[in-house]
C-alpha atoms as a PDB file:
ATOM      1  CA  MET A   1       0.000   0.000   0.000  1.00  0.00           C
ATOM      2  CA  LEU A   2       2.830   2.395   0.882  1.00  0.00           C
ATOM      3  CA  GLU A   3       4.337   2.050  -2.576  1.00  0.00           C
ATOM      4  CA  MET A   4       1.896   4.606  -3.971  1.00  0.00           C
ATOM      5  CA  PHE A   5       3.570   7.279  -1.832  1.00  0.00           C
ATOM      6  CA  GLU A   6       6.694   6.839  -3.934  1.00  0.00           C
ATOM      7  CA  TYR A   7       4.964   9.025  -6.504  1.00  0.00           C
ATOM      8  CA  ASP A   8       4.978  12.785  -5.988  1.00  0.00           C
ATOM      9  CA  PHE A   9       1.449  13.244  -7.374  1.00  0.00           C
ATOM     10  CA  MET A  10       0.040  10.797  -4.792  1.00  0.00           C
ATOM     11  CA  GLN A  11       1.812  12.619  -1.974  1.00  0.00           C
ATOM     12  CA  ARG A  12       0.275  15.899  -3.143  1.00  0.00           C
ATOM     13  CA  ALA A  13      -3.139  14.331  -3.637  1.00  0.00           C
ATOM     14  CA  PHE A  14      -3.181  12.698  -0.179  1.00  0.00           C
ATOM     15  CA  LEU A  15      -2.105  15.891   1.553  1.00  0.00           C
ATOM     16  CA  ALA A  16      -4.723  17.926  -0.300  1.00  0.00           C
ATOM     17  CA  GLY A  17      -7.349  15.226   0.305  1.00  0.00           C
ATOM     18  CA  MET A  18      -6.754  15.077   4.057  1.00  0.00           C
ATOM     19  CA  ILE A  19      -7.034  18.856   4.365  1.00  0.00           C
ATOM     20  CA  ILE A  20     -10.230  18.840   2.319  1.00  0.00           C
ATOM     21  CA  ALA A  21     -11.662  16.034   4.485  1.00  0.00           C
ATOM     22  CA  VAL A  22     -11.107  18.127   7.620  1.00  0.00           C
ATOM     23  CA  LEU A  23     -12.601  21.262   6.081  1.00  0.00           C
ATOM     24  CA  ALA A  24     -15.581  19.490   4.515  1.00  0.00           C
ATOM     25  CA  SER A  25     -16.547  17.567   7.651  1.00  0.00           C
ATOM     26  CA  VAL A  26     -16.255  20.542  10.027  1.00  0.00           C
ATOM     27  CA  SER A  27     -18.133  22.986   7.788  1.00  0.00           C
ATOM     28  CA  GLY A  28     -20.587  20.258   6.797  1.00  0.00           C
ATOM     29  CA  THR A  29     -21.577  19.753  10.432  1.00  0.00           C
ATOM     30  CA  PHE A  30     -22.870  23.318  10.652  1.00  0.00           C
ATOM     31  CA  ILE A  31     -24.734  23.339   7.352  1.00  0.00           C
ATOM     32  CA  VAL A  32     -26.384  19.961   8.023  1.00  0.00           C
ATOM     33  CA  LEU A  33     -27.536  21.105  11.476  1.00  0.00           C
ATOM     34  CA  ARG A  34     -29.024  24.192   9.786  1.00  0.00           C
ATOM     35  CA  ARG A  35     -30.860  21.923   7.312  1.00  0.00           C
ATOM     36  CA  TYR A  36     -28.957  23.716   4.573  1.00  0.00           C
ATOM     37  CA  SER A  37     -27.320  20.663   3.034  1.00  0.00           C
ATOM     38  CA  MET A  38     -28.138  21.485  -0.580  1.00  0.00           C
ATOM     39  CA  ILE A  39     -26.047  24.662  -0.459  1.00  0.00           C
ATOM     40  CA  SER A  40     -22.973  22.513  -1.032  1.00  0.00           C
ATOM     41  CA  GLU A  41     -24.342  21.193  -4.328  1.00  0.00           C
ATOM     42  CA  THR A  42     -25.477  24.652  -5.396  1.00  0.00           C
ATOM     43  CA  LEU A  43     -22.124  26.279  -4.697  1.00  0.00           C
ATOM     44  CA  ALA A  44     -20.322  23.396  -6.405  1.00  0.00           C
ATOM     45  CA  HIS A  45     -22.302  24.062  -9.565  1.00  0.00           C
ATOM     46  CA  SER A  46     -21.606  27.779  -9.182  1.00  0.00           C
ATOM     47  CA  ALA A  47     -17.903  27.025  -8.870  1.00  0.00           C
ATOM     48  CA  LEU A  48     -18.200  25.142 -12.131  1.00  0.00           C
ATOM     49  CA  VAL A  49     -19.192  28.428 -13.791  1.00  0.00           C
ATOM     50  CA  GLY A  50     -15.917  29.919 -12.559  1.00  0.00           C
ATOM     51  CA  VAL A  51     -14.015  26.912 -13.907  1.00  0.00           C
ATOM     52  CA  ALA A  52     -15.713  27.324 -17.283  1.00  0.00           C
ATOM     53  CA  VAL A  53     -14.841  31.028 -17.405  1.00  0.00           C
ATOM     54  CA  GLY A  54     -11.255  30.261 -16.457  1.00  0.00           C
ATOM     55  CA  LEU A  55     -10.829  27.558 -19.095  1.00  0.00           C
ATOM     56  CA  VAL A  56     -12.372  29.672 -21.870  1.00  0.00           C
ATOM     57  CA  ALA A  57     -10.654  32.958 -20.934  1.00  0.00           C
ATOM     58  CA  GLY A  58      -7.286  31.405 -20.174  1.00  0.00           C
ATOM     59  CA  LEU A  59      -7.416  32.387 -16.502  1.00  0.00           C
ATOM     60  CA  ASN A  60      -6.678  30.241 -13.447  1.00  0.00           C
ATOM     61  CA  PRO A  61      -9.812  28.028 -13.123  1.00  0.00           C
ATOM     62  CA  LEU A  62      -9.287  27.483  -9.378  1.00  0.00           C
ATOM     63  CA  TRP A  63      -9.221  31.195  -8.546  1.00  0.00           C
ATOM     64  CA  MET A  64     -12.194  31.880 -10.830  1.00  0.00           C
ATOM     65  CA  ALA A  65     -14.070  29.075  -9.071  1.00  0.00           C
ATOM     66  CA  VAL A  66     -13.361  30.678  -5.680  1.00  0.00           C
ATOM     67  CA  ILE A  67     -14.564  34.109  -6.826  1.00  0.00           C
ATOM     68  CA  VAL A  68     -17.776  32.886  -8.491  1.00  0.00           C
ATOM     69  CA  SER A  69     -18.560  30.521  -5.616  1.00  0.00           C
ATOM     70  CA  ILE A  70     -18.254  33.303  -3.017  1.00  0.00           C
ATOM     71  CA  LEU A  71     -20.424  35.664  -5.079  1.00  0.00           C
ATOM     72  CA  SER A  72     -23.050  32.924  -5.422  1.00  0.00           C
ATOM     73  CA  ALA A  73     -22.974  32.273  -1.669  1.00  0.00           C
ATOM     74  CA  TRP A  74     -23.602  35.961  -0.984  1.00  0.00           C
ATOM     75  CA  LEU A  75     -26.442  36.009  -3.512  1.00  0.00           C
ATOM     76  CA  ILE A  76     -28.069  32.974  -1.892  1.00  0.00           C
ATOM     77  CA  GLU A  77     -27.920  34.509   1.561  1.00  0.00           C
ATOM     78  CA  TYR A  78     -29.152  37.897   0.279  1.00  0.00           C
ATOM     79  CA  LEU A  79     -32.164  36.379  -1.498  1.00  0.00           C
ATOM     80  CA  ARG A  80     -33.021  34.232   1.503  1.00  0.00           C
ATOM     81  CA  ALA A  81     -32.800  37.109   3.978  1.00  0.00           C
ATOM     82  CA  HIS A  82     -34.346  39.986   1.995  1.00  0.00           C
ATOM     83  CA  PHE A  83     -37.004  38.389  -0.214  1.00  0.00           C
ATOM     84  CA  SER A  84     -38.491  35.851   2.217  1.00  0.00           C
ATOM     85  CA  LEU A  85     -37.848  33.030  -0.229  1.00  0.00           C
ATOM     86  CA  TYR A  86     -37.683  29.448   0.952  1.00  0.00           C
ATOM     87  CA  SER A  87     -34.087  28.289   1.237  1.00  0.00           C
ATOM     88  CA  ASP A  88     -34.612  25.151  -0.826  1.00  0.00           C
ATOM     89  CA  ALA A  89     -36.265  27.175  -3.598  1.00  0.00           C
ATOM     90  CA  VAL A  90     -33.346  29.627  -3.776  1.00  0.00           C
ATOM     91  CA  LEU A  91     -30.864  26.755  -3.888  1.00  0.00           C
ATOM     92  CA  ALA A  92     -32.789  24.910  -6.599  1.00  0.00           C
ATOM     93  CA  ILE A  93     -32.995  28.025  -8.784  1.00  0.00           C
ATOM     94  CA  LEU A  94     -29.294  28.831  -8.529  1.00  0.00           C
ATOM     95  CA  LEU A  95     -28.229  25.203  -8.888  1.00  0.00           C
ATOM     96  CA  SER A  96     -30.019  24.715 -12.202  1.00  0.00           C
ATOM     97  CA  GLY A  97     -29.139  28.207 -13.407  1.00  0.00           C
ATOM     98  CA  SER A  98     -25.440  27.824 -12.624  1.00  0.00           C
ATOM     99  CA  LEU A  99     -25.219  24.487 -14.396  1.00  0.00           C
ATOM    100  CA  ALA A 100     -26.942  25.919 -17.464  1.00  0.00           C
ATOM    101  CA  ILE A 101     -24.598  28.917 -17.572  1.00  0.00           C
ATOM    102  CA  ALA A 102     -21.530  26.691 -17.182  1.00  0.00           C
ATOM    103  CA  VAL A 103     -22.604  24.404 -20.032  1.00  0.00           C
ATOM    104  CA  ILE A 104     -23.290  27.358 -22.339  1.00  0.00           C
ATOM    105  CA  ILE A 105     -19.935  29.028 -21.578  1.00  0.00           C
ATOM    106  CA  VAL A 106     -18.011  25.819 -22.132  1.00  0.00           C
ATOM    107  CA  SER A 107     -19.944  25.044 -25.303  1.00  0.00           C
ATOM    108  CA  LEU A 108     -19.367  28.490 -26.790  1.00  0.00           C
ATOM    109  CA  GLY A 109     -15.688  28.426 -25.861  1.00  0.00           C
ATOM    110  CA  GLY A 110     -15.102  24.871 -27.044  1.00  0.00           C
ATOM    111  CA  ALA A 111     -13.643  23.860 -23.698  1.00  0.00           C
ATOM    112  CA  PHE A 112     -15.140  20.371 -23.442  1.00  0.00           C
ATOM    113  CA  ASN A 113     -11.895  18.514 -22.756  1.00  0.00           C
ATOM    114  CA  ASN A 114     -10.083  16.443 -20.154  1.00  0.00           C
ATOM    115  CA  SER A 115      -9.342  19.525 -18.039  1.00  0.00           C
ATOM    116  CA  LEU A 116     -13.051  20.177 -17.595  1.00  0.00           C
ATOM    117  CA  PHE A 117     -13.776  16.559 -16.688  1.00  0.00           C
ATOM    118  CA  SER A 118     -11.068  16.641 -14.025  1.00  0.00           C
ATOM    119  CA  TYR A 119     -12.983  19.491 -12.371  1.00  0.00           C
ATOM    120  CA  LEU A 120     -16.302  17.692 -12.774  1.00  0.00           C
ATOM    121  CA  PHE A 121     -15.321  14.361 -11.245  1.00  0.00           C
ATOM    122  CA  GLY A 122     -11.962  15.009  -9.589  1.00  0.00           C
ATOM    123  CA  SER A 123      -8.527  13.775 -10.601  1.00  0.00           C
ATOM    124  CA  ILE A 124      -5.544  13.006  -8.388  1.00  0.00           C
ATOM    125  CA  LEU A 125      -3.262  13.619 -11.363  1.00  0.00           C
ATOM    126  CA  SER A 126      -4.391  17.237 -11.683  1.00  0.00           C
ATOM    127  CA  VAL A 127      -3.311  18.330  -8.175  1.00  0.00           C
ATOM    128  CA  SER A 128      -0.189  20.468  -8.510  1.00  0.00           C
ATOM    129  CA  GLY A 129       2.203  21.763  -5.874  1.00  0.00           C
ATOM    130  CA  ALA A 130       0.677  25.239  -6.238  1.00  0.00           C
ATOM    131  CA  ASP A 131      -2.782  23.745  -5.605  1.00  0.00           C
ATOM    132  CA  VAL A 132      -1.562  22.110  -2.408  1.00  0.00           C
ATOM    133  CA  ILE A 133      -0.082  25.374  -1.142  1.00  0.00           C
ATOM    134  CA  THR A 134      -3.323  27.234  -1.965  1.00  0.00           C
ATOM    135  CA  ILE A 135      -5.420  24.601  -0.205  1.00  0.00           C
ATOM    136  CA  LEU A 136      -3.105  24.676   2.828  1.00  0.00           C
ATOM    137  CA  VAL A 137      -3.136  28.454   3.235  1.00  0.00           C
ATOM    138  CA  PHE A 138      -6.806  29.140   2.610  1.00  0.00           C
ATOM    139  CA  GLY A 139      -7.909  25.859   4.160  1.00  0.00           C
ATOM    140  CA  PHE A 140      -6.329  26.583   7.531  1.00  0.00           C
ATOM    141  CA  LEU A 141      -7.655  30.151   7.365  1.00  0.00           C
ATOM    142  CA  CYS A 142     -11.190  28.821   6.867  1.00  0.00           C
ATOM    143  CA  LEU A 143     -10.732  26.214   9.598  1.00  0.00           C
ATOM    144  CA  GLY A 144      -9.474  28.870  12.019  1.00  0.00           C
ATOM    145  CA  ILE A 145     -12.548  31.035  11.409  1.00  0.00           C
ATOM    146  CA  LEU A 146     -14.884  28.058  11.813  1.00  0.00           C
ATOM    147  CA  LEU A 147     -13.332  27.113  15.152  1.00  0.00           C
ATOM    148  CA  LEU A 148     -13.209  30.737  16.326  1.00  0.00           C
ATOM    149  CA  PHE A 149     -16.946  31.217  15.812  1.00  0.00           C
ATOM    150  CA  ALA A 150     -17.983  27.600  16.432  1.00  0.00           C
ATOM    151  CA  LYS A 151     -20.214  28.449  19.406  1.00  0.00           C
ATOM    152  CA  GLU A 152     -22.004  31.216  17.489  1.00  0.00           C
ATOM    153  CA  PHE A 153     -22.499  29.028  14.404  1.00  0.00           C
ATOM    154  CA  TYR A 154     -23.899  26.249  16.568  1.00  0.00           C
ATOM    155  CA  PHE A 155     -26.212  28.662  18.398  1.00  0.00           C
ATOM    156  CA  ILE A 156     -27.539  29.986  15.089  1.00  0.00           C
ATOM    157  CA  ALA A 157     -28.056  26.441  13.797  1.00  0.00           C
ATOM    158  CA  TYR A 158     -29.932  25.541  16.978  1.00  0.00           C
ATOM    159  CA  ASP A 159     -32.289  28.557  16.939  1.00  0.00           C
ATOM    160  CA  GLU A 160     -31.650  31.569  14.701  1.00  0.00           C
ATOM    161  CA  GLU A 161     -34.343  33.748  16.299  1.00  0.00           C
ATOM    162  CA  VAL A 162     -33.069  33.190  19.831  1.00  0.00           C
ATOM    163  CA  ALA A 163     -29.553  33.919  18.604  1.00  0.00           C
ATOM    164  CA  LYS A 164     -30.743  37.271  17.236  1.00  0.00           C
ATOM    165  CA  THR A 165     -32.377  38.251  20.520  1.00  0.00           C
ATOM    166  CA  SER A 166     -29.187  37.236  22.348  1.00  0.00           C
ATOM    167  CA  GLY A 167     -27.225  39.908  20.523  1.00  0.00           C
ATOM    168  CA  ILE A 168     -25.399  37.643  18.079  1.00  0.00           C
ATOM    169  CA  LYS A 169     -24.816  39.245  14.664  1.00  0.00           C
ATOM    170  CA  VAL A 170     -26.702  36.536  12.827  1.00  0.00           C
ATOM    171  CA  LYS A 171     -26.698  38.118   9.347  1.00  0.00           C
ATOM    172  CA  LEU A 172     -22.973  38.778   9.390  1.00  0.00           C
ATOM    173  CA  LEU A 173     -22.174  35.282  10.651  1.00  0.00           C
ATOM    174  CA  ASN A 174     -24.505  33.722   8.075  1.00  0.00           C
ATOM    175  CA  PHE A 175     -22.642  35.519   5.290  1.00  0.00           C
ATOM    176  CA  LEU A 176     -19.343  34.448   6.863  1.00  0.00           C
ATOM    177  CA  LEU A 177     -20.387  30.793   7.051  1.00  0.00           C
ATOM    178  CA  VAL A 178     -21.606  30.565   3.459  1.00  0.00           C
ATOM    179  CA  SER A 179     -18.433  32.349   2.300  1.00  0.00           C
ATOM    180  CA  ILE A 180     -16.272  29.773   4.077  1.00  0.00           C
ATOM    181  CA  VAL A 181     -18.301  26.929   2.604  1.00  0.00           C
ATOM    182  CA  ALA A 182     -17.927  28.503  -0.852  1.00  0.00           C
ATOM    183  CA  VAL A 183     -14.135  28.704  -0.533  1.00  0.00           C
ATOM    184  CA  ILE A 184     -13.880  25.122   0.755  1.00  0.00           C
ATOM    185  CA  ILE A 185     -15.960  23.803  -2.134  1.00  0.00           C
ATOM    186  CA  ALA A 186     -13.947  25.736  -4.723  1.00  0.00           C
ATOM    187  CA  LEU A 187     -10.694  24.417  -3.238  1.00  0.00           C
ATOM    188  CA  SER A 188     -11.987  20.846  -3.235  1.00  0.00           C
ATOM    189  CA  ILE A 189     -13.084  20.400  -6.824  1.00  0.00           C
ATOM    190  CA  ARG A 190      -9.615  19.448  -8.104  1.00  0.00           C
ATOM    191  CA  VAL A 191      -9.583  16.336  -5.897  1.00  0.00           C
ATOM    192  CA  VAL A 192     -13.255  15.426  -5.411  1.00  0.00           C
ATOM    193  CA  GLY A 193     -14.932  17.154  -8.365  1.00  0.00           C
ATOM    194  CA  SER A 194     -17.684  19.763  -8.453  1.00  0.00           C
ATOM    195  CA  LEU A 195     -20.402  17.136  -8.951  1.00  0.00           C
ATOM    196  CA  LEU A 196     -19.326  15.104  -5.910  1.00  0.00           C
ATOM    197  CA  ILE A 197     -17.983  17.505  -3.256  1.00  0.00           C
ATOM    198  CA  GLY A 198     -21.445  17.962  -1.754  1.00  0.00           C
ATOM    199  CA  ALA A 199     -21.466  14.301  -0.757  1.00  0.00           C
ATOM    200  CA  LEU A 200     -18.178  14.611   1.153  1.00  0.00           C
ATOM    201  CA  MET A 201     -19.512  17.663   2.963  1.00  0.00           C
ATOM    202  CA  VAL A 202     -22.889  16.178   3.950  1.00  0.00           C
ATOM    203  CA  ILE A 203     -22.735  12.387   4.203  1.00  0.00           C
ATOM    204  CA  PRO A 204     -20.046  12.099   6.948  1.00  0.00           C
ATOM    205  CA  THR A 205     -22.075  14.401   9.196  1.00  0.00           C
ATOM    206  CA  VAL A 206     -25.338  12.574   8.489  1.00  0.00           C
ATOM    207  CA  SER A 207     -23.556   9.291   9.238  1.00  0.00           C
ATOM    208  CA  ALA A 208     -22.180  10.693  12.496  1.00  0.00           C
ATOM    209  CA  LEU A 209     -25.629  11.923  13.543  1.00  0.00           C
ATOM    210  CA  GLN A 210     -26.882   8.332  13.474  1.00  0.00           C
ATOM    211  CA  TYR A 211     -24.853   7.658  16.638  1.00  0.00           C
ATOM    212  CA  ARG A 212     -26.836  10.314  18.567  1.00  0.00           C
ATOM    213  CA  GLN A 213     -23.899  11.879  20.384  1.00  0.00           C
ATOM    214  CA  GLY A 214     -23.333  15.479  21.471  1.00  0.00           C
ATOM    215  CA  PHE A 215     -22.205  18.203  19.103  1.00  0.00           C
ATOM    216  CA  VAL A 216     -18.454  17.845  19.691  1.00  0.00           C
ATOM    217  CA  ARG A 217     -18.489  14.048  19.459  1.00  0.00           C
ATOM    218  CA  THR A 218     -20.630  14.198  16.333  1.00  0.00           C
ATOM    219  CA  LEU A 219     -18.131  16.586  14.755  1.00  0.00           C
ATOM    220  CA  LEU A 220     -15.207  14.286  15.649  1.00  0.00           C
ATOM    221  CA  ILE A 221     -16.992  11.201  14.325  1.00  0.00           C
ATOM    222  CA  SER A 222     -17.790  13.069  11.107  1.00  0.00           C
ATOM    223  CA  LEU A 223     -14.140  14.088  10.818  1.00  0.00           C
ATOM    224  CA  PHE A 224     -13.005  10.477  11.234  1.00  0.00           C
ATOM    225  CA  PHE A 225     -15.464   9.261   8.596  1.00  0.00           C
ATOM    226  CA  ALA A 226     -14.322  11.932   6.129  1.00  0.00           C
ATOM    227  CA  LEU A 227     -10.621  11.167   6.642  1.00  0.00           C
ATOM    228  CA  PHE A 228     -11.226   7.431   6.317  1.00  0.00           C
ATOM    229  CA  SER A 229     -13.289   7.902   3.151  1.00  0.00           C
ATOM    230  CA  VAL A 230     -10.670  10.099   1.487  1.00  0.00           C
ATOM    231  CA  ALA A 231      -7.829   7.712   2.389  1.00  0.00           C
ATOM    232  CA  SER A 232      -9.657   4.577   1.256  1.00  0.00           C
ATOM    233  CA  GLY A 233     -11.085   6.302  -1.834  1.00  0.00           C
ATOM    234  CA  MET A 234      -7.701   7.534  -3.011  1.00  0.00           C
ATOM    235  CA  THR A 235      -6.130   4.131  -2.383  1.00  0.00           C
ATOM    236  CA  LEU A 236      -8.795   2.463  -4.534  1.00  0.00           C
ATOM    237  CA  SER A 237      -8.402   5.195  -7.119  1.00  0.00           C
ATOM    238  CA  PHE A 238      -4.665   4.569  -7.410  1.00  0.00           C
ATOM    239  CA  TYR A 239      -4.695   0.770  -7.589  1.00  0.00           C
ATOM    240  CA  PHE A 240      -7.738   0.370  -9.838  1.00  0.00           C
ATOM    241  CA  SER A 241      -7.264   3.510 -12.012  1.00  0.00           C
ATOM    242  CA  LEU A 242     -10.627   4.974 -10.969  1.00  0.00           C
ATOM    243  CA  PRO A 243     -11.700   8.631 -10.660  1.00  0.00           C
ATOM    244  CA  SER A 244     -10.689   9.845  -7.197  1.00  0.00           C
ATOM    245  CA  GLY A 245     -13.897  11.764  -6.531  1.00  0.00           C
ATOM    246  CA  ALA A 246     -16.166   8.820  -7.314  1.00  0.00           C
ATOM    247  CA  THR A 247     -14.204   6.358  -5.163  1.00  0.00           C
ATOM    248  CA  ILE A 248     -14.173   8.797  -2.231  1.00  0.00           C
ATOM    249  CA  VAL A 249     -17.944   9.238  -2.440  1.00  0.00           C
ATOM    250  CA  LEU A 250     -18.503   5.477  -2.695  1.00  0.00           C
ATOM    251  CA  SER A 251     -16.364   5.008   0.414  1.00  0.00           C
ATOM    252  CA  VAL A 252     -18.367   7.540   2.398  1.00  0.00           C
ATOM    253  CA  LEU A 253     -21.621   5.941   1.184  1.00  0.00           C
ATOM    254  CA  VAL A 254     -20.440   2.595   2.551  1.00  0.00           C
ATOM    255  CA  VAL A 255     -19.716   4.293   5.884  1.00  0.00           C
ATOM    256  CA  PHE A 256     -23.236   5.768   5.862  1.00  0.00           C
ATOM    257  CA  ILE A 257     -24.883   2.402   5.170  1.00  0.00           C
ATOM    258  CA  ILE A 258     -22.865   0.741   7.944  1.00  0.00           C
ATOM    259  CA  SER A 259     -23.847   3.545  10.345  1.00  0.00           C
ATOM    260  CA  LEU A 260     -27.529   3.013   9.524  1.00  0.00           C
ATOM    261  CA  ILE A 261     -27.321  -0.729  10.071  1.00  0.00           C
ATOM    262  CA  VAL A 262     -25.346  -0.481  13.312  1.00  0.00           C
ATOM    263  CA  ASN A 263     -27.664   2.094  14.871  1.00  0.00           C
ATOM    264  CA  LYS A 264     -30.832   0.329  13.773  1.00  0.00           C
ATOM    265  CA  ARG A 265     -29.707  -2.693  15.768  1.00  0.00           C
END
């Protein structure tokens, strides 16, 4: 098993994957508790618009994905807060709209190629040293903010109205949370893929919730599941020449099924 670490691209991919697992599971815990799980899929599709713009315009697709994903996160939160729209309706509208825009941009620019598919489904071969450094820097920044405001985010997830009356700046923290989630998703699409990152962000937390533990233990269990899924998924990806994103998601689905069976008994 250790022979795969003889290759530089696997070392980069594993390092990036472990960081992404930590970020996805921690941020995913807050969005699942807020019943806001679909925001991960919506922002992933929005990030795909940034990738499409980057590929067509000759810009860095990763940075364009970050910018477009953050702007989409702000738009989602603005529409939800100021127009009294149901959250799931806002997410559904932007999800389908973003995907349509991405397909049109790519089609007009003739960018349907292997580079695009690596962003759609993830590819361990596409992770460069610069990507790892970017994920490290911005990943730990996002993780630091999440841990710094963990109590406030949990309070808001538990009861937003009570949090408002308690003096917590709910609107500001909501924008901060969705911005962090947007950055994490944009950083993750090189390894997991824009069509699959939502699963890594949601399923470990849902699996951990089956054990009915407190908030901190649930977060730690979710973190363990995410790390295990990334490690096992990338190992399968290397030895069987499979897409990394798909194998990671299959691994986390197996964890979810086992969690259901164990807790039903």
